[in-house]
């Protein structure tokens, strides 16, 4: 009789856990779906260096090292509001209505790799076309403004323009992750409820 009761309680507990796990996963999945959005990142590459017209290899190495040491500074300049202001001038009238100087500045990020003279400008927005346009406009503005800020720079050129085909996308939040969390939480609540249910039943039967 006792074994039959335990068997029955086991299946009831399992059913509660499964139902609450499915319910939790469904609720979290729906919530993630409602808040989900996709952003697009377009990037363009800019080379910054001095023209090496001297024949002395040691002097050439010194110039290259000086350029490499300046790359973190160029990152900061690329994210400066002055560059964003200039970049906005290259946008269409329609885009100017949608993007302020601050919006452009927030959309832009600049990155460099160690021992590289290439500066990568990235623009991230909710529109693939807008990301491409802002990335290219910012690169054009940077090429124009950098010599004003850093007069010694002789060679600043865009080597790769941003294109829609090279644009990456990111959708967040992840529905799969939220469903997994919901299933885990629902199962945990079901486990607790089952434990309380069985414990109280055992207590009352005594």
C-alpha atoms as a PDB file:
ATOM      1  CA  UNK A   1       0.000   0.000   0.000  1.00  0.00           C
ATOM      2  CA  UNK A   2       2.810   2.356   0.954  1.00  0.00           C
ATOM      3  CA  UNK A   3       4.750   1.544  -2.204  1.00  0.00           C
ATOM      4  CA  UNK A   4       1.615   2.222  -4.280  1.00  0.00           C
ATOM      5  CA  UNK A   5       1.212   5.624  -2.612  1.00  0.00           C
ATOM      6  CA  UNK A   6       4.852   6.489  -3.269  1.00  0.00           C
ATOM      7  CA  UNK A   7       4.476   5.407  -6.883  1.00  0.00           C
ATOM      8  CA  UNK A   8       1.381   7.594  -7.283  1.00  0.00           C
ATOM      9  CA  UNK A   9       3.049  10.589  -5.598  1.00  0.00           C
ATOM     10  CA  UNK A  10       6.106  10.197  -7.826  1.00  0.00           C
ATOM     11  CA  UNK A  11       4.073  10.502 -11.006  1.00  0.00           C
ATOM     12  CA  UNK A  12       2.086  13.429  -9.627  1.00  0.00           C
ATOM     13  CA  UNK A  13       5.316  15.217  -8.720  1.00  0.00           C
ATOM     14  CA  UNK A  14       6.814  14.488 -12.113  1.00  0.00           C
ATOM     15  CA  UNK A  15       3.710  15.833 -13.825  1.00  0.00           C
ATOM     16  CA  UNK A  16       3.814  19.041 -11.766  1.00  0.00           C
ATOM     17  CA  UNK A  17       7.508  19.553 -12.575  1.00  0.00           C
ATOM     18  CA  UNK A  18       6.998  18.969 -16.309  1.00  0.00           C
ATOM     19  CA  UNK A  19       3.937  21.244 -16.512  1.00  0.00           C
ATOM     20  CA  UNK A  20       5.631  24.107 -14.638  1.00  0.00           C
ATOM     21  CA  UNK A  21       8.851  23.669 -16.637  1.00  0.00           C
ATOM     22  CA  UNK A  22       6.919  23.935 -19.919  1.00  0.00           C
ATOM     23  CA  UNK A  23       4.904  26.877 -18.570  1.00  0.00           C
ATOM     24  CA  UNK A  24       8.055  28.675 -17.380  1.00  0.00           C
ATOM     25  CA  UNK A  25       9.814  28.114 -20.698  1.00  0.00           C
ATOM     26  CA  UNK A  26       6.785  29.374 -22.630  1.00  0.00           C
ATOM     27  CA  UNK A  27       6.405  32.528 -20.524  1.00  0.00           C
ATOM     28  CA  UNK A  28      10.110  33.413 -20.768  1.00  0.00           C
ATOM     29  CA  UNK A  29      10.111  32.684 -24.504  1.00  0.00           C
ATOM     30  CA  UNK A  30       7.129  34.971 -25.129  1.00  0.00           C
ATOM     31  CA  UNK A  31       8.689  37.697 -22.994  1.00  0.00           C
ATOM     32  CA  UNK A  32      11.978  37.486 -24.914  1.00  0.00           C
ATOM     33  CA  UNK A  33      10.119  37.567 -28.230  1.00  0.00           C
ATOM     34  CA  UNK A  34       8.290  40.770 -27.271  1.00  0.00           C
ATOM     35  CA  UNK A  35      11.507  42.549 -26.326  1.00  0.00           C
ATOM     36  CA  UNK A  36      13.624  41.137 -29.145  1.00  0.00           C
ATOM     37  CA  UNK A  37      15.345  43.496 -31.564  1.00  0.00           C
ATOM     38  CA  UNK A  38      18.025  43.207 -34.247  1.00  0.00           C
ATOM     39  CA  UNK A  39      20.966  45.547 -34.725  1.00  0.00           C
ATOM     40  CA  UNK A  40      23.265  45.736 -37.751  1.00  0.00           C
ATOM     41  CA  UNK A  41      26.969  46.551 -37.663  1.00  0.00           C
ATOM     42  CA  UNK A  42      28.818  47.845 -40.725  1.00  0.00           C
ATOM     43  CA  UNK A  43      32.548  48.445 -40.726  1.00  0.00           C
ATOM     44  CA  UNK A  44      35.144  50.235 -42.790  1.00  0.00           C
ATOM     45  CA  UNK A  45      38.948  50.171 -42.556  1.00  0.00           C
ATOM     46  CA  UNK A  46      41.290  53.147 -42.636  1.00  0.00           C
ATOM     47  CA  UNK A  47      45.091  53.073 -42.935  1.00  0.00           C
ATOM     48  CA  UNK A  48      47.000  55.788 -41.101  1.00  0.00           C
ATOM     49  CA  UNK A  49      50.738  56.211 -41.674  1.00  0.00           C
ATOM     50  CA  UNK A  50      53.560  58.461 -42.840  1.00  0.00           C
ATOM     51  CA  UNK A  51      54.947  58.200 -46.355  1.00  0.00           C
ATOM     52  CA  UNK A  52      58.360  56.591 -45.958  1.00  0.00           C
ATOM     53  CA  UNK A  53      60.491  58.585 -48.394  1.00  0.00           C
ATOM     54  CA  UNK A  54      63.780  58.208 -46.520  1.00  0.00           C
ATOM     55  CA  UNK A  55      66.303  55.423 -47.258  1.00  0.00           C
ATOM     56  CA  UNK A  56      67.524  54.925 -43.697  1.00  0.00           C
ATOM     57  CA  UNK A  57      65.919  51.709 -42.392  1.00  0.00           C
ATOM     58  CA  UNK A  58      66.388  52.716 -38.765  1.00  0.00           C
ATOM     59  CA  UNK A  59      64.610  56.005 -39.350  1.00  0.00           C
ATOM     60  CA  UNK A  60      61.820  54.181 -41.178  1.00  0.00           C
ATOM     61  CA  UNK A  61      61.399  51.807 -38.225  1.00  0.00           C
ATOM     62  CA  UNK A  62      61.214  54.750 -35.836  1.00  0.00           C
ATOM     63  CA  UNK A  63      58.485  56.390 -37.926  1.00  0.00           C
ATOM     64  CA  UNK A  64      56.471  53.160 -38.149  1.00  0.00           C
ATOM     65  CA  UNK A  65      56.773  52.613 -34.382  1.00  0.00           C
ATOM     66  CA  UNK A  66      55.651  56.180 -33.772  1.00  0.00           C
ATOM     67  CA  UNK A  67      52.600  55.574 -35.974  1.00  0.00           C
ATOM     68  CA  UNK A  68      51.807  52.340 -34.120  1.00  0.00           C
ATOM     69  CA  UNK A  69      52.034  54.114 -30.776  1.00  0.00           C
ATOM     70  CA  UNK A  70      49.571  56.728 -32.014  1.00  0.00           C
ATOM     71  CA  UNK A  71      46.840  54.240 -32.976  1.00  0.00           C
ATOM     72  CA  UNK A  72      45.055  54.343 -29.560  1.00  0.00           C
ATOM     73  CA  UNK A  73      44.949  58.131 -29.891  1.00  0.00           C
ATOM     74  CA  UNK A  74      43.426  57.829 -33.352  1.00  0.00           C
ATOM     75  CA  UNK A  75      40.728  55.585 -31.862  1.00  0.00           C
ATOM     76  CA  UNK A  76      39.754  58.379 -29.480  1.00  0.00           C
ATOM     77  CA  UNK A  77      39.796  60.968 -32.258  1.00  0.00           C
ATOM     78  CA  UNK A  78      37.527  58.791 -34.421  1.00  0.00           C
ATOM     79  CA  UNK A  79      34.966  58.720 -31.587  1.00  0.00           C
ATOM     80  CA  UNK A  80      35.201  62.458 -31.024  1.00  0.00           C
ATOM     81  CA  UNK A  81      32.068  64.591 -31.397  1.00  0.00           C
ATOM     82  CA  UNK A  82      33.832  66.768 -33.983  1.00  0.00           C
ATOM     83  CA  UNK A  83      34.106  63.800 -36.330  1.00  0.00           C
ATOM     84  CA  UNK A  84      30.459  62.873 -35.668  1.00  0.00           C
ATOM     85  CA  UNK A  85      29.403  66.428 -36.465  1.00  0.00           C
ATOM     86  CA  UNK A  86      31.318  66.342 -39.752  1.00  0.00           C
ATOM     87  CA  UNK A  87      29.946  62.872 -40.570  1.00  0.00           C
ATOM     88  CA  UNK A  88      26.386  64.141 -40.209  1.00  0.00           C
ATOM     89  CA  UNK A  89      27.030  66.619 -43.020  1.00  0.00           C
ATOM     90  CA  UNK A  90      27.449  63.694 -45.418  1.00  0.00           C
ATOM     91  CA  UNK A  91      24.033  62.225 -44.594  1.00  0.00           C
ATOM     92  CA  UNK A  92      20.903  62.789 -46.649  1.00  0.00           C
ATOM     93  CA  UNK A  93      18.269  65.238 -45.403  1.00  0.00           C
ATOM     94  CA  UNK A  94      16.043  62.318 -44.403  1.00  0.00           C
ATOM     95  CA  UNK A  95      18.787  60.656 -42.357  1.00  0.00           C
ATOM     96  CA  UNK A  96      19.654  63.950 -40.684  1.00  0.00           C
ATOM     97  CA  UNK A  97      16.105  63.996 -39.321  1.00  0.00           C
ATOM     98  CA  UNK A  98      16.557  60.507 -37.907  1.00  0.00           C
ATOM     99  CA  UNK A  99      20.095  60.863 -36.568  1.00  0.00           C
ATOM    100  CA  UNK A 100      21.451  63.695 -34.472  1.00  0.00           C
ATOM    101  CA  UNK A 101      25.131  64.304 -33.857  1.00  0.00           C
ATOM    102  CA  UNK A 102      24.825  62.411 -30.563  1.00  0.00           C
ATOM    103  CA  UNK A 103      23.075  59.491 -32.287  1.00  0.00           C
ATOM    104  CA  UNK A 104      25.926  59.167 -34.771  1.00  0.00           C
ATOM    105  CA  UNK A 105      28.507  59.374 -32.004  1.00  0.00           C
ATOM    106  CA  UNK A 106      26.707  56.636 -30.037  1.00  0.00           C
ATOM    107  CA  UNK A 107      26.496  54.420 -33.126  1.00  0.00           C
ATOM    108  CA  UNK A 108      30.211  54.631 -33.907  1.00  0.00           C
ATOM    109  CA  UNK A 109      32.975  52.537 -32.396  1.00  0.00           C
ATOM    110  CA  UNK A 110      36.661  52.501 -33.355  1.00  0.00           C
ATOM    111  CA  UNK A 111      39.030  49.569 -32.983  1.00  0.00           C
ATOM    112  CA  UNK A 112      42.669  48.798 -33.716  1.00  0.00           C
ATOM    113  CA  UNK A 113      44.704  45.604 -33.587  1.00  0.00           C
ATOM    114  CA  UNK A 114      48.157  45.372 -31.949  1.00  0.00           C
ATOM    115  CA  UNK A 115      51.028  46.137 -34.357  1.00  0.00           C
ATOM    116  CA  UNK A 116      48.622  47.323 -37.043  1.00  0.00           C
ATOM    117  CA  UNK A 117      48.201  50.680 -38.760  1.00  0.00           C
ATOM    118  CA  UNK A 118      44.600  49.884 -39.694  1.00  0.00           C
ATOM    119  CA  UNK A 119      41.787  51.623 -37.843  1.00  0.00           C
ATOM    120  CA  UNK A 120      38.399  49.910 -38.078  1.00  0.00           C
ATOM    121  CA  UNK A 121      35.315  52.080 -37.773  1.00  0.00           C
ATOM    122  CA  UNK A 122      32.052  50.307 -36.906  1.00  0.00           C
ATOM    123  CA  UNK A 123      28.548  51.740 -37.025  1.00  0.00           C
ATOM    124  CA  UNK A 124      25.693  49.924 -35.274  1.00  0.00           C
ATOM    125  CA  UNK A 125      22.024  50.810 -35.781  1.00  0.00           C
ATOM    126  CA  UNK A 126      18.693  49.024 -36.238  1.00  0.00           C
ATOM    127  CA  UNK A 127      18.917  49.480 -40.014  1.00  0.00           C
ATOM    128  CA  UNK A 128      21.435  47.741 -42.281  1.00  0.00           C
ATOM    129  CA  UNK A 129      21.385  50.597 -44.794  1.00  0.00           C
ATOM    130  CA  UNK A 130      21.782  53.265 -42.103  1.00  0.00           C
ATOM    131  CA  UNK A 131      24.724  51.432 -40.518  1.00  0.00           C
ATOM    132  CA  UNK A 132      26.526  51.301 -43.863  1.00  0.00           C
ATOM    133  CA  UNK A 133      25.864  54.980 -44.577  1.00  0.00           C
ATOM    134  CA  UNK A 134      26.959  56.156 -41.117  1.00  0.00           C
ATOM    135  CA  UNK A 135      30.115  54.008 -41.178  1.00  0.00           C
ATOM    136  CA  UNK A 136      31.186  55.424 -44.552  1.00  0.00           C
ATOM    137  CA  UNK A 137      30.253  58.985 -43.598  1.00  0.00           C
ATOM    138  CA  UNK A 138      32.235  58.715 -40.362  1.00  0.00           C
ATOM    139  CA  UNK A 139      35.250  57.317 -42.193  1.00  0.00           C
ATOM    140  CA  UNK A 140      35.120  60.173 -44.691  1.00  0.00           C
ATOM    141  CA  UNK A 141      34.816  62.690 -41.849  1.00  0.00           C
ATOM    142  CA  UNK A 142      37.723  61.100 -39.961  1.00  0.00           C
ATOM    143  CA  UNK A 143      39.994  61.258 -43.012  1.00  0.00           C
ATOM    144  CA  UNK A 144      39.153  64.951 -43.361  1.00  0.00           C
ATOM    145  CA  UNK A 145      39.444  65.903 -39.677  1.00  0.00           C
ATOM    146  CA  UNK A 146      42.493  63.879 -38.564  1.00  0.00           C
ATOM    147  CA  UNK A 147      45.131  66.044 -40.332  1.00  0.00           C
ATOM    148  CA  UNK A 148      43.637  69.098 -38.593  1.00  0.00           C
ATOM    149  CA  UNK A 149      44.049  67.496 -35.175  1.00  0.00           C
ATOM    150  CA  UNK A 150      47.318  65.689 -35.967  1.00  0.00           C
ATOM    151  CA  UNK A 151      49.172  67.801 -38.593  1.00  0.00           C
ATOM    152  CA  UNK A 152      52.062  65.339 -38.867  1.00  0.00           C
ATOM    153  CA  UNK A 153      49.871  62.635 -40.397  1.00  0.00           C
ATOM    154  CA  UNK A 154      50.595  62.365 -44.122  1.00  0.00           C
ATOM    155  CA  UNK A 155      48.784  59.247 -45.293  1.00  0.00           C
ATOM    156  CA  UNK A 156      45.175  58.638 -44.244  1.00  0.00           C
ATOM    157  CA  UNK A 157      43.060  56.627 -46.638  1.00  0.00           C
ATOM    158  CA  UNK A 158      40.006  54.391 -46.634  1.00  0.00           C
ATOM    159  CA  UNK A 159      40.926  50.891 -47.841  1.00  0.00           C
ATOM    160  CA  UNK A 160      37.598  49.105 -47.350  1.00  0.00           C
ATOM    161  CA  UNK A 161      34.262  50.877 -47.543  1.00  0.00           C
ATOM    162  CA  UNK A 162      31.311  49.495 -45.605  1.00  0.00           C
ATOM    163  CA  UNK A 163      28.872  47.465 -47.694  1.00  0.00           C
ATOM    164  CA  UNK A 164      25.545  45.778 -46.980  1.00  0.00           C
ATOM    165  CA  UNK A 165      26.962  42.375 -47.915  1.00  0.00           C
ATOM    166  CA  UNK A 166      29.627  42.627 -45.184  1.00  0.00           C
ATOM    167  CA  UNK A 167      27.223  43.862 -42.515  1.00  0.00           C
ATOM    168  CA  UNK A 168      26.766  41.624 -39.483  1.00  0.00           C
ATOM    169  CA  UNK A 169      23.597  41.363 -37.407  1.00  0.00           C
ATOM    170  CA  UNK A 170      22.836  40.562 -33.782  1.00  0.00           C
ATOM    171  CA  UNK A 171      19.432  39.701 -32.368  1.00  0.00           C
ATOM    172  CA  UNK A 172      18.840  40.014 -28.642  1.00  0.00           C
ATOM    173  CA  UNK A 173      17.672  38.851 -26.228  1.00  0.00           C
ATOM    174  CA  UNK A 174      18.159  35.198 -27.174  1.00  0.00           C
ATOM    175  CA  UNK A 175      14.853  33.301 -27.146  1.00  0.00           C
ATOM    176  CA  UNK A 176      16.632  29.955 -26.680  1.00  0.00           C
ATOM    177  CA  UNK A 177      18.490  31.180 -23.592  1.00  0.00           C
ATOM    178  CA  UNK A 178      15.342  32.653 -22.082  1.00  0.00           C
ATOM    179  CA  UNK A 179      13.379  29.447 -22.740  1.00  0.00           C
ATOM    180  CA  UNK A 180      16.160  27.412 -21.113  1.00  0.00           C
ATOM    181  CA  UNK A 181      16.120  29.681 -18.042  1.00  0.00           C
ATOM    182  CA  UNK A 182      12.311  29.506 -17.913  1.00  0.00           C
ATOM    183  CA  UNK A 183      12.338  25.701 -18.095  1.00  0.00           C
ATOM    184  CA  UNK A 184      14.944  25.529 -15.323  1.00  0.00           C
ATOM    185  CA  UNK A 185      13.066  27.952 -13.043  1.00  0.00           C
ATOM    186  CA  UNK A 186       9.711  26.302 -13.761  1.00  0.00           C
ATOM    187  CA  UNK A 187      11.172  22.879 -13.035  1.00  0.00           C
ATOM    188  CA  UNK A 188      12.698  24.160  -9.795  1.00  0.00           C
ATOM    189  CA  UNK A 189       9.375  25.646  -8.651  1.00  0.00           C
ATOM    190  CA  UNK A 190       7.667  22.377  -9.593  1.00  0.00           C
ATOM    191  CA  UNK A 191      10.223  20.439  -7.576  1.00  0.00           C
ATOM    192  CA  UNK A 192       9.644  22.643  -4.527  1.00  0.00           C
ATOM    193  CA  UNK A 193       5.859  22.380  -4.843  1.00  0.00           C
ATOM    194  CA  UNK A 194       6.098  18.583  -5.232  1.00  0.00           C
ATOM    195  CA  UNK A 195       8.325  18.319  -2.176  1.00  0.00           C
ATOM    196  CA  UNK A 196       5.942  20.443  -0.086  1.00  0.00           C
ATOM    197  CA  UNK A 197       2.961  18.454  -1.401  1.00  0.00           C
ATOM    198  CA  UNK A 198       4.485  15.063  -0.563  1.00  0.00           C
ATOM    199  CA  UNK A 199       5.833  16.231   2.799  1.00  0.00           C
ATOM    200  CA  UNK A 200       2.486  17.715   3.888  1.00  0.00           C
ATOM    201  CA  UNK A 201       0.653  14.605   2.746  1.00  0.00           C
ATOM    202  CA  UNK A 202       3.013  12.367   4.683  1.00  0.00           C
ATOM    203  CA  UNK A 203       2.648  14.608   7.742  1.00  0.00           C
ATOM    204  CA  UNK A 204      -1.168  14.572   7.596  1.00  0.00           C
ATOM    205  CA  UNK A 205      -1.296  10.802   7.170  1.00  0.00           C
ATOM    206  CA  UNK A 206       0.481  10.272  10.498  1.00  0.00           C
END
